[in-house]
mmCIF file of all heavy atoms, coordinates in Angstrom:
data_MODEL
# 
_entry.id   MODEL 
# 
loop_
_atom_site.group_PDB 
_atom_site.id 
_atom_site.type_symbol 
_atom_site.label_atom_id 
_atom_site.label_alt_id 
_atom_site.label_comp_id 
_atom_site.label_asym_id 
_atom_site.label_entity_id 
_atom_site.label_seq_id 
_atom_site.pdbx_PDB_ins_code 
_atom_site.Cartn_x 
_atom_site.Cartn_y 
_atom_site.Cartn_z 
_atom_site.occupancy 
_atom_site.B_iso_or_equiv 
_atom_site.pdbx_formal_charge 
_atom_site.auth_seq_id 
_atom_site.auth_comp_id 
_atom_site.auth_asym_id 
_atom_site.auth_atom_id 
_atom_site.pdbx_PDB_model_num 
ATOM 1   N N   . VAL A 1 1  ? 23.340 72.277 -83.852 1.00 0.00 ? 1  VAL A N   1 
ATOM 2   C CA  . VAL A 1 1  ? 24.704 72.548 -84.078 1.00 0.00 ? 1  VAL A CA  1 
ATOM 3   C C   . VAL A 1 1  ? 25.433 72.681 -82.725 1.00 0.00 ? 1  VAL A C   1 
ATOM 4   O O   . VAL A 1 1  ? 26.616 72.119 -82.624 1.00 0.00 ? 1  VAL A O   1 
ATOM 5   C CB  . VAL A 1 1  ? 24.890 73.834 -84.918 1.00 0.00 ? 1  VAL A CB  1 
ATOM 6   C CG1 . VAL A 1 1  ? 26.315 74.289 -84.922 1.00 0.00 ? 1  VAL A CG1 1 
ATOM 7   C CG2 . VAL A 1 1  ? 24.381 73.688 -86.346 1.00 0.00 ? 1  VAL A CG2 1 
ATOM 8   N N   . GLU A 1 2  ? 24.823 73.339 -81.802 1.00 0.00 ? 2  GLU A N   1 
ATOM 9   C CA  . GLU A 1 2  ? 25.451 73.531 -80.489 1.00 0.00 ? 2  GLU A CA  1 
ATOM 10  C C   . GLU A 1 2  ? 25.621 72.163 -79.807 1.00 0.00 ? 2  GLU A C   1 
ATOM 11  O O   . GLU A 1 2  ? 26.682 71.884 -79.169 1.00 0.00 ? 2  GLU A O   1 
ATOM 12  C CB  . GLU A 1 2  ? 24.672 74.492 -79.639 1.00 0.00 ? 2  GLU A CB  1 
ATOM 13  C CG  . GLU A 1 2  ? 24.688 75.899 -80.136 1.00 0.00 ? 2  GLU A CG  1 
ATOM 14  C CD  . GLU A 1 2  ? 23.846 76.838 -79.270 1.00 0.00 ? 2  GLU A CD  1 
ATOM 15  O OE1 . GLU A 1 2  ? 23.010 76.318 -78.545 1.00 0.00 ? 2  GLU A OE1 1 
ATOM 16  O OE2 . GLU A 1 2  ? 24.060 78.055 -79.345 1.00 0.00 ? 2  GLU A OE2 1 
ATOM 17  N N   . ILE A 1 3  ? 24.615 71.290 -79.925 1.00 0.00 ? 3  ILE A N   1 
ATOM 18  C CA  . ILE A 1 3  ? 24.766 69.943 -79.239 1.00 0.00 ? 3  ILE A CA  1 
ATOM 19  C C   . ILE A 1 3  ? 25.855 69.134 -79.942 1.00 0.00 ? 3  ILE A C   1 
ATOM 20  O O   . ILE A 1 3  ? 26.601 68.415 -79.296 1.00 0.00 ? 3  ILE A O   1 
ATOM 21  C CB  . ILE A 1 3  ? 23.456 69.250 -79.294 1.00 0.00 ? 3  ILE A CB  1 
ATOM 22  C CG1 . ILE A 1 3  ? 22.452 69.981 -78.419 1.00 0.00 ? 3  ILE A CG1 1 
ATOM 23  C CG2 . ILE A 1 3  ? 23.562 67.727 -78.944 1.00 0.00 ? 3  ILE A CG2 1 
ATOM 24  C CD1 . ILE A 1 3  ? 20.995 69.420 -78.428 1.00 0.00 ? 3  ILE A CD1 1 
ATOM 25  N N   . GLY A 1 4  ? 25.941 69.236 -81.311 1.00 0.00 ? 4  GLY A N   1 
ATOM 26  C CA  . GLY A 1 4  ? 26.995 68.473 -81.970 1.00 0.00 ? 4  GLY A CA  1 
ATOM 27  C C   . GLY A 1 4  ? 28.358 68.999 -81.543 1.00 0.00 ? 4  GLY A C   1 
ATOM 28  O O   . GLY A 1 4  ? 29.267 68.170 -81.370 1.00 0.00 ? 4  GLY A O   1 
ATOM 29  N N   . LYS A 1 5  ? 28.566 70.254 -81.438 1.00 0.00 ? 5  LYS A N   1 
ATOM 30  C CA  . LYS A 1 5  ? 29.792 70.805 -80.953 1.00 0.00 ? 5  LYS A CA  1 
ATOM 31  C C   . LYS A 1 5  ? 30.084 70.389 -79.523 1.00 0.00 ? 5  LYS A C   1 
ATOM 32  O O   . LYS A 1 5  ? 31.211 70.107 -79.144 1.00 0.00 ? 5  LYS A O   1 
ATOM 33  C CB  . LYS A 1 5  ? 29.895 72.328 -81.081 1.00 0.00 ? 5  LYS A CB  1 
ATOM 34  C CG  . LYS A 1 5  ? 29.956 72.814 -82.530 1.00 0.00 ? 5  LYS A CG  1 
ATOM 35  C CD  . LYS A 1 5  ? 30.150 74.257 -82.646 1.00 0.00 ? 5  LYS A CD  1 
ATOM 36  C CE  . LYS A 1 5  ? 30.323 74.684 -84.063 1.00 0.00 ? 5  LYS A CE  1 
ATOM 37  N NZ  . LYS A 1 5  ? 31.612 74.279 -84.670 1.00 0.00 ? 5  LYS A NZ  1 
ATOM 38  N N   . GLN A 1 6  ? 29.002 70.412 -78.752 1.00 0.00 ? 6  GLN A N   1 
ATOM 39  C CA  . GLN A 1 6  ? 29.174 69.951 -77.326 1.00 0.00 ? 6  GLN A CA  1 
ATOM 40  C C   . GLN A 1 6  ? 29.634 68.539 -77.225 1.00 0.00 ? 6  GLN A C   1 
ATOM 41  O O   . GLN A 1 6  ? 30.522 68.222 -76.401 1.00 0.00 ? 6  GLN A O   1 
ATOM 42  C CB  . GLN A 1 6  ? 27.854 70.083 -76.606 1.00 0.00 ? 6  GLN A CB  1 
ATOM 43  C CG  . GLN A 1 6  ? 27.971 69.941 -75.052 1.00 0.00 ? 6  GLN A CG  1 
ATOM 44  C CD  . GLN A 1 6  ? 26.629 69.984 -74.457 1.00 0.00 ? 6  GLN A CD  1 
ATOM 45  O OE1 . GLN A 1 6  ? 25.639 69.369 -74.921 1.00 0.00 ? 6  GLN A OE1 1 
ATOM 46  N NE2 . GLN A 1 6  ? 26.538 70.648 -73.316 1.00 0.00 ? 6  GLN A NE2 1 
ATOM 47  N N   . LEU A 1 7  ? 29.178 67.661 -78.110 1.00 0.00 ? 7  LEU A N   1 
ATOM 48  C CA  . LEU A 1 7  ? 29.551 66.275 -78.113 1.00 0.00 ? 7  LEU A CA  1 
ATOM 49  C C   . LEU A 1 7  ? 31.035 66.145 -78.395 1.00 0.00 ? 7  LEU A C   1 
ATOM 50  O O   . LEU A 1 7  ? 31.783 65.465 -77.796 1.00 0.00 ? 7  LEU A O   1 
ATOM 51  C CB  . LEU A 1 7  ? 28.745 65.459 -79.120 1.00 0.00 ? 7  LEU A CB  1 
ATOM 52  C CG  . LEU A 1 7  ? 29.190 64.081 -79.480 1.00 0.00 ? 7  LEU A CG  1 
ATOM 53  C CD1 . LEU A 1 7  ? 29.129 63.142 -78.195 1.00 0.00 ? 7  LEU A CD1 1 
ATOM 54  C CD2 . LEU A 1 7  ? 28.478 63.427 -80.620 1.00 0.00 ? 7  LEU A CD2 1 
ATOM 55  N N   . LEU A 1 8  ? 31.487 66.860 -79.461 1.00 0.00 ? 8  LEU A N   1 
ATOM 56  C CA  . LEU A 1 8  ? 32.889 66.823 -79.825 1.00 0.00 ? 8  LEU A CA  1 
ATOM 57  C C   . LEU A 1 8  ? 33.801 67.366 -78.783 1.00 0.00 ? 8  LEU A C   1 
ATOM 58  O O   . LEU A 1 8  ? 34.891 66.807 -78.457 1.00 0.00 ? 8  LEU A O   1 
ATOM 59  C CB  . LEU A 1 8  ? 33.089 67.552 -81.144 1.00 0.00 ? 8  LEU A CB  1 
ATOM 60  C CG  . LEU A 1 8  ? 32.376 66.877 -82.351 1.00 0.00 ? 8  LEU A CG  1 
ATOM 61  C CD1 . LEU A 1 8  ? 32.665 67.759 -83.604 1.00 0.00 ? 8  LEU A CD1 1 
ATOM 62  C CD2 . LEU A 1 8  ? 32.796 65.506 -82.641 1.00 0.00 ? 8  LEU A CD2 1 
ATOM 63  N N   . ILE A 1 9  ? 33.399 68.436 -78.170 1.00 0.00 ? 9  ILE A N   1 
ATOM 64  C CA  . ILE A 1 9  ? 34.219 69.101 -77.136 1.00 0.00 ? 9  ILE A CA  1 
ATOM 65  C C   . ILE A 1 9  ? 34.258 68.238 -75.910 1.00 0.00 ? 9  ILE A C   1 
ATOM 66  O O   . ILE A 1 9  ? 35.308 68.110 -75.265 1.00 0.00 ? 9  ILE A O   1 
ATOM 67  C CB  . ILE A 1 9  ? 33.628 70.485 -76.806 1.00 0.00 ? 9  ILE A CB  1 
ATOM 68  C CG1 . ILE A 1 9  ? 33.843 71.443 -77.923 1.00 0.00 ? 9  ILE A CG1 1 
ATOM 69  C CG2 . ILE A 1 9  ? 34.244 71.131 -75.539 1.00 0.00 ? 9  ILE A CG2 1 
ATOM 70  C CD1 . ILE A 1 9  ? 33.153 72.758 -77.794 1.00 0.00 ? 9  ILE A CD1 1 
ATOM 71  N N   . THR A 1 10 ? 33.142 67.587 -75.548 1.00 0.00 ? 10 THR A N   1 
ATOM 72  C CA  . THR A 1 10 ? 33.133 66.720 -74.343 1.00 0.00 ? 10 THR A CA  1 
ATOM 73  C C   . THR A 1 10 ? 34.104 65.579 -74.589 1.00 0.00 ? 10 THR A C   1 
ATOM 74  O O   . THR A 1 10 ? 34.868 65.203 -73.670 1.00 0.00 ? 10 THR A O   1 
ATOM 75  C CB  . THR A 1 10 ? 31.741 66.158 -74.112 1.00 0.00 ? 10 THR A CB  1 
ATOM 76  O OG1 . THR A 1 10 ? 30.809 67.259 -73.924 1.00 0.00 ? 10 THR A OG1 1 
ATOM 77  C CG2 . THR A 1 10 ? 31.696 65.219 -72.931 1.00 0.00 ? 10 THR A CG2 1 
ATOM 78  N N   . ARG A 1 11 ? 34.049 64.997 -75.748 1.00 0.00 ? 11 ARG A N   1 
ATOM 79  C CA  . ARG A 1 11 ? 35.011 63.867 -76.087 1.00 0.00 ? 11 ARG A CA  1 
ATOM 80  C C   . ARG A 1 11 ? 36.394 64.310 -76.015 1.00 0.00 ? 11 ARG A C   1 
ATOM 81  O O   . ARG A 1 11 ? 37.288 63.618 -75.426 1.00 0.00 ? 11 ARG A O   1 
ATOM 82  C CB  . ARG A 1 11 ? 34.627 63.355 -77.489 1.00 0.00 ? 11 ARG A CB  1 
ATOM 83  C CG  . ARG A 1 11 ? 35.301 61.989 -77.755 1.00 0.00 ? 11 ARG A CG  1 
ATOM 84  C CD  . ARG A 1 11 ? 34.784 61.461 -79.091 1.00 0.00 ? 11 ARG A CD  1 
ATOM 85  N NE  . ARG A 1 11 ? 33.476 60.945 -78.989 1.00 0.00 ? 11 ARG A NE  1 
ATOM 86  C CZ  . ARG A 1 11 ? 32.608 60.867 -80.046 1.00 0.00 ? 11 ARG A CZ  1 
ATOM 87  N NH1 . ARG A 1 11 ? 33.031 61.204 -81.150 1.00 0.00 ? 11 ARG A NH1 1 
ATOM 88  N NH2 . ARG A 1 11 ? 31.408 60.423 -79.833 1.00 0.00 ? 11 ARG A NH2 1 
ATOM 89  N N   . GLY A 1 12 ? 36.719 65.428 -76.551 1.00 0.00 ? 12 GLY A N   1 
ATOM 90  C CA  . GLY A 1 12 ? 38.057 65.965 -76.540 1.00 0.00 ? 12 GLY A CA  1 
ATOM 91  C C   . GLY A 1 12 ? 38.494 66.407 -75.154 1.00 0.00 ? 12 GLY A C   1 
ATOM 92  O O   . GLY A 1 12 ? 39.706 66.132 -74.744 1.00 0.00 ? 12 GLY A O   1 
ATOM 93  N N   . ALA A 1 13 ? 37.545 66.988 -74.362 1.00 0.00 ? 13 ALA A N   1 
ATOM 94  C CA  . ALA A 1 13 ? 37.984 67.407 -73.012 1.00 0.00 ? 13 ALA A CA  1 
ATOM 95  C C   . ALA A 1 13 ? 38.299 66.216 -72.145 1.00 0.00 ? 13 ALA A C   1 
ATOM 96  O O   . ALA A 1 13 ? 39.311 66.205 -71.388 1.00 0.00 ? 13 ALA A O   1 
ATOM 97  C CB  . ALA A 1 13 ? 36.848 68.174 -72.397 1.00 0.00 ? 13 ALA A CB  1 
ATOM 98  N N   . LEU A 1 14 ? 37.451 65.177 -72.178 1.00 0.00 ? 14 LEU A N   1 
ATOM 99  C CA  . LEU A 1 14 ? 37.701 64.024 -71.325 1.00 0.00 ? 14 LEU A CA  1 
ATOM 100 C C   . LEU A 1 14 ? 38.953 63.242 -71.828 1.00 0.00 ? 14 LEU A C   1 
ATOM 101 O O   . LEU A 1 14 ? 39.564 62.539 -71.015 1.00 0.00 ? 14 LEU A O   1 
ATOM 102 C CB  . LEU A 1 14 ? 36.472 63.167 -71.268 1.00 0.00 ? 14 LEU A CB  1 
ATOM 103 C CG  . LEU A 1 14 ? 35.279 63.831 -70.541 1.00 0.00 ? 14 LEU A CG  1 
ATOM 104 C CD1 . LEU A 1 14 ? 34.143 62.863 -70.369 1.00 0.00 ? 14 LEU A CD1 1 
ATOM 105 C CD2 . LEU A 1 14 ? 35.734 64.311 -69.072 1.00 0.00 ? 14 LEU A CD2 1 
ATOM 106 N N   . THR A 1 15 ? 39.218 63.207 -73.143 1.00 0.00 ? 15 THR A N   1 
ATOM 107 C CA  . THR A 1 15 ? 40.414 62.550 -73.624 1.00 0.00 ? 15 THR A CA  1 
ATOM 108 C C   . THR A 1 15 ? 41.640 63.321 -73.019 1.00 0.00 ? 15 THR A C   1 
ATOM 109 O O   . THR A 1 15 ? 42.604 62.728 -72.591 1.00 0.00 ? 15 THR A O   1 
ATOM 110 C CB  . THR A 1 15 ? 40.499 62.613 -75.135 1.00 0.00 ? 15 THR A CB  1 
ATOM 111 O OG1 . THR A 1 15 ? 39.315 61.881 -75.628 1.00 0.00 ? 15 THR A OG1 1 
ATOM 112 C CG2 . THR A 1 15 ? 41.696 61.894 -75.704 1.00 0.00 ? 15 THR A CG2 1 
ATOM 113 N N   . THR A 1 16 ? 41.651 64.622 -73.067 1.00 0.00 ? 16 THR A N   1 
ATOM 114 C CA  . THR A 1 16 ? 42.690 65.475 -72.583 1.00 0.00 ? 16 THR A CA  1 
ATOM 115 C C   . THR A 1 16 ? 42.953 65.149 -71.055 1.00 0.00 ? 16 THR A C   1 
ATOM 116 O O   . THR A 1 16 ? 44.028 64.983 -70.606 1.00 0.00 ? 16 THR A O   1 
ATOM 117 C CB  . THR A 1 16 ? 42.407 67.006 -72.724 1.00 0.00 ? 16 THR A CB  1 
ATOM 118 O OG1 . THR A 1 16 ? 42.274 67.210 -74.137 1.00 0.00 ? 16 THR A OG1 1 
ATOM 119 C CG2 . THR A 1 16 ? 43.535 67.852 -72.194 1.00 0.00 ? 16 THR A CG2 1 
ATOM 120 N N   . PHE A 1 17 ? 41.774 65.147 -70.359 1.00 0.00 ? 17 PHE A N   1 
ATOM 121 C CA  . PHE A 1 17 ? 41.898 64.832 -68.880 1.00 0.00 ? 17 PHE A CA  1 
ATOM 122 C C   . PHE A 1 17 ? 42.496 63.421 -68.648 1.00 0.00 ? 17 PHE A C   1 
ATOM 123 O O   . PHE A 1 17 ? 43.333 63.261 -67.743 1.00 0.00 ? 17 PHE A O   1 
ATOM 124 C CB  . PHE A 1 17 ? 40.530 64.947 -68.267 1.00 0.00 ? 17 PHE A CB  1 
ATOM 125 C CG  . PHE A 1 17 ? 40.499 64.809 -66.779 1.00 0.00 ? 17 PHE A CG  1 
ATOM 126 C CD1 . PHE A 1 17 ? 40.596 65.817 -65.855 1.00 0.00 ? 17 PHE A CD1 1 
ATOM 127 C CD2 . PHE A 1 17 ? 40.301 63.486 -66.186 1.00 0.00 ? 17 PHE A CD2 1 
ATOM 128 C CE1 . PHE A 1 17 ? 40.585 65.657 -64.537 1.00 0.00 ? 17 PHE A CE1 1 
ATOM 129 C CE2 . PHE A 1 17 ? 40.324 63.325 -64.854 1.00 0.00 ? 17 PHE A CE2 1 
ATOM 130 C CZ  . PHE A 1 17 ? 40.484 64.355 -64.022 1.00 0.00 ? 17 PHE A CZ  1 
ATOM 131 N N   . SER A 1 18 ? 41.970 62.461 -69.417 1.00 0.00 ? 18 SER A N   1 
ATOM 132 C CA  . SER A 1 18 ? 42.421 61.106 -69.205 1.00 0.00 ? 18 SER A CA  1 
ATOM 133 C C   . SER A 1 18 ? 43.948 60.925 -69.435 1.00 0.00 ? 18 SER A C   1 
ATOM 134 O O   . SER A 1 18 ? 44.653 60.289 -68.611 1.00 0.00 ? 18 SER A O   1 
ATOM 135 C CB  . SER A 1 18 ? 41.744 60.143 -70.186 1.00 0.00 ? 18 SER A CB  1 
ATOM 136 O OG  . SER A 1 18 ? 42.120 58.823 -70.088 1.00 0.00 ? 18 SER A OG  1 
ATOM 137 N N   . ILE A 1 19 ? 44.436 61.534 -70.505 1.00 0.00 ? 19 ILE A N   1 
ATOM 138 C CA  . ILE A 1 19 ? 45.893 61.419 -70.784 1.00 0.00 ? 19 ILE A CA  1 
ATOM 139 C C   . ILE A 1 19 ? 46.717 62.229 -69.744 1.00 0.00 ? 19 ILE A C   1 
ATOM 140 O O   . ILE A 1 19 ? 47.742 61.795 -69.269 1.00 0.00 ? 19 ILE A O   1 
ATOM 141 C CB  . ILE A 1 19 ? 46.164 61.916 -72.183 1.00 0.00 ? 19 ILE A CB  1 
ATOM 142 C CG1 . ILE A 1 19 ? 45.513 60.919 -73.206 1.00 0.00 ? 19 ILE A CG1 1 
ATOM 143 C CG2 . ILE A 1 19 ? 47.655 61.965 -72.487 1.00 0.00 ? 19 ILE A CG2 1 
ATOM 144 C CD1 . ILE A 1 19 ? 45.565 61.380 -74.635 1.00 0.00 ? 19 ILE A CD1 1 
ATOM 145 N N   . ALA A 1 20 ? 46.170 63.417 -69.363 1.00 0.00 ? 20 ALA A N   1 
ATOM 146 C CA  . ALA A 1 20 ? 46.893 64.258 -68.374 1.00 0.00 ? 20 ALA A CA  1 
ATOM 147 C C   . ALA A 1 20 ? 47.004 63.549 -67.071 1.00 0.00 ? 20 ALA A C   1 
ATOM 148 O O   . ALA A 1 20 ? 48.018 63.722 -66.331 1.00 0.00 ? 20 ALA A O   1 
ATOM 149 C CB  . ALA A 1 20 ? 46.249 65.645 -68.275 1.00 0.00 ? 20 ALA A CB  1 
ATOM 150 N N   . ASN A 1 21 ? 45.934 62.859 -66.565 1.00 0.00 ? 21 ASN A N   1 
ATOM 151 C CA  . ASN A 1 21 ? 46.024 62.312 -65.180 1.00 0.00 ? 21 ASN A CA  1 
ATOM 152 C C   . ASN A 1 21 ? 46.899 61.179 -65.086 1.00 0.00 ? 21 ASN A C   1 
ATOM 153 O O   . ASN A 1 21 ? 47.272 60.671 -64.064 1.00 0.00 ? 21 ASN A O   1 
ATOM 154 C CB  . ASN A 1 21 ? 44.684 62.053 -64.645 1.00 0.00 ? 21 ASN A CB  1 
ATOM 155 C CG  . ASN A 1 21 ? 43.932 60.858 -65.312 1.00 0.00 ? 21 ASN A CG  1 
ATOM 156 O OD1 . ASN A 1 21 ? 44.556 59.918 -65.850 1.00 0.00 ? 21 ASN A OD1 1 
ATOM 157 N ND2 . ASN A 1 21 ? 42.589 60.843 -65.204 1.00 0.00 ? 21 ASN A ND2 1 
ATOM 158 N N   . ASP A 1 22 ? 47.405 60.631 -66.222 1.00 0.00 ? 22 ASP A N   1 
ATOM 159 C CA  . ASP A 1 22 ? 48.401 59.571 -66.208 1.00 0.00 ? 22 ASP A CA  1 
ATOM 160 C C   . ASP A 1 22 ? 49.728 60.002 -65.651 1.00 0.00 ? 22 ASP A C   1 
ATOM 161 O O   . ASP A 1 22 ? 50.525 59.327 -65.114 1.00 0.00 ? 22 ASP A O   1 
ATOM 162 C CB  . ASP A 1 22 ? 48.637 58.965 -67.609 1.00 0.00 ? 22 ASP A CB  1 
ATOM 163 C CG  . ASP A 1 22 ? 47.399 58.132 -68.076 1.00 0.00 ? 22 ASP A CG  1 
ATOM 164 O OD1 . ASP A 1 22 ? 46.648 57.673 -67.195 1.00 0.00 ? 22 ASP A OD1 1 
ATOM 165 O OD2 . ASP A 1 22 ? 47.353 57.911 -69.297 1.00 0.00 ? 22 ASP A OD2 1 
ATOM 166 N N   . ILE A 1 23 ? 49.916 61.441 -65.769 1.00 0.00 ? 23 ILE A N   1 
ATOM 167 C CA  . ILE A 1 23 ? 51.220 61.976 -65.260 1.00 0.00 ? 23 ILE A CA  1 
ATOM 168 C C   . ILE A 1 23 ? 51.385 61.744 -63.783 1.00 0.00 ? 23 ILE A C   1 
ATOM 169 O O   . ILE A 1 23 ? 52.430 61.327 -63.243 1.00 0.00 ? 23 ILE A O   1 
ATOM 170 C CB  . ILE A 1 23 ? 51.285 63.482 -65.683 1.00 0.00 ? 23 ILE A CB  1 
ATOM 171 C CG1 . ILE A 1 23 ? 51.248 63.631 -67.207 1.00 0.00 ? 23 ILE A CG1 1 
ATOM 172 C CG2 . ILE A 1 23 ? 52.534 64.108 -65.046 1.00 0.00 ? 23 ILE A CG2 1 
ATOM 173 C CD1 . ILE A 1 23 ? 51.264 65.104 -67.666 1.00 0.00 ? 23 ILE A CD1 1 
ATOM 174 N N   . ALA A 1 24 ? 50.173 62.104 -63.046 1.00 0.00 ? 24 ALA A N   1 
ATOM 175 C CA  . ALA A 1 24 ? 50.271 61.933 -61.606 1.00 0.00 ? 24 ALA A CA  1 
ATOM 176 C C   . ALA A 1 24 ? 50.430 60.483 -61.202 1.00 0.00 ? 24 ALA A C   1 
ATOM 177 O O   . ALA A 1 24 ? 51.167 60.199 -60.231 1.00 0.00 ? 24 ALA A O   1 
ATOM 178 C CB  . ALA A 1 24 ? 48.955 62.547 -61.013 1.00 0.00 ? 24 ALA A CB  1 
# 
């Protein structure tokens, strides 16, 4: 369960980072 959550969180975190760095 923890690894499954880690997968989803990793995907969400890097998606957030990817969209945010477009601002700079």
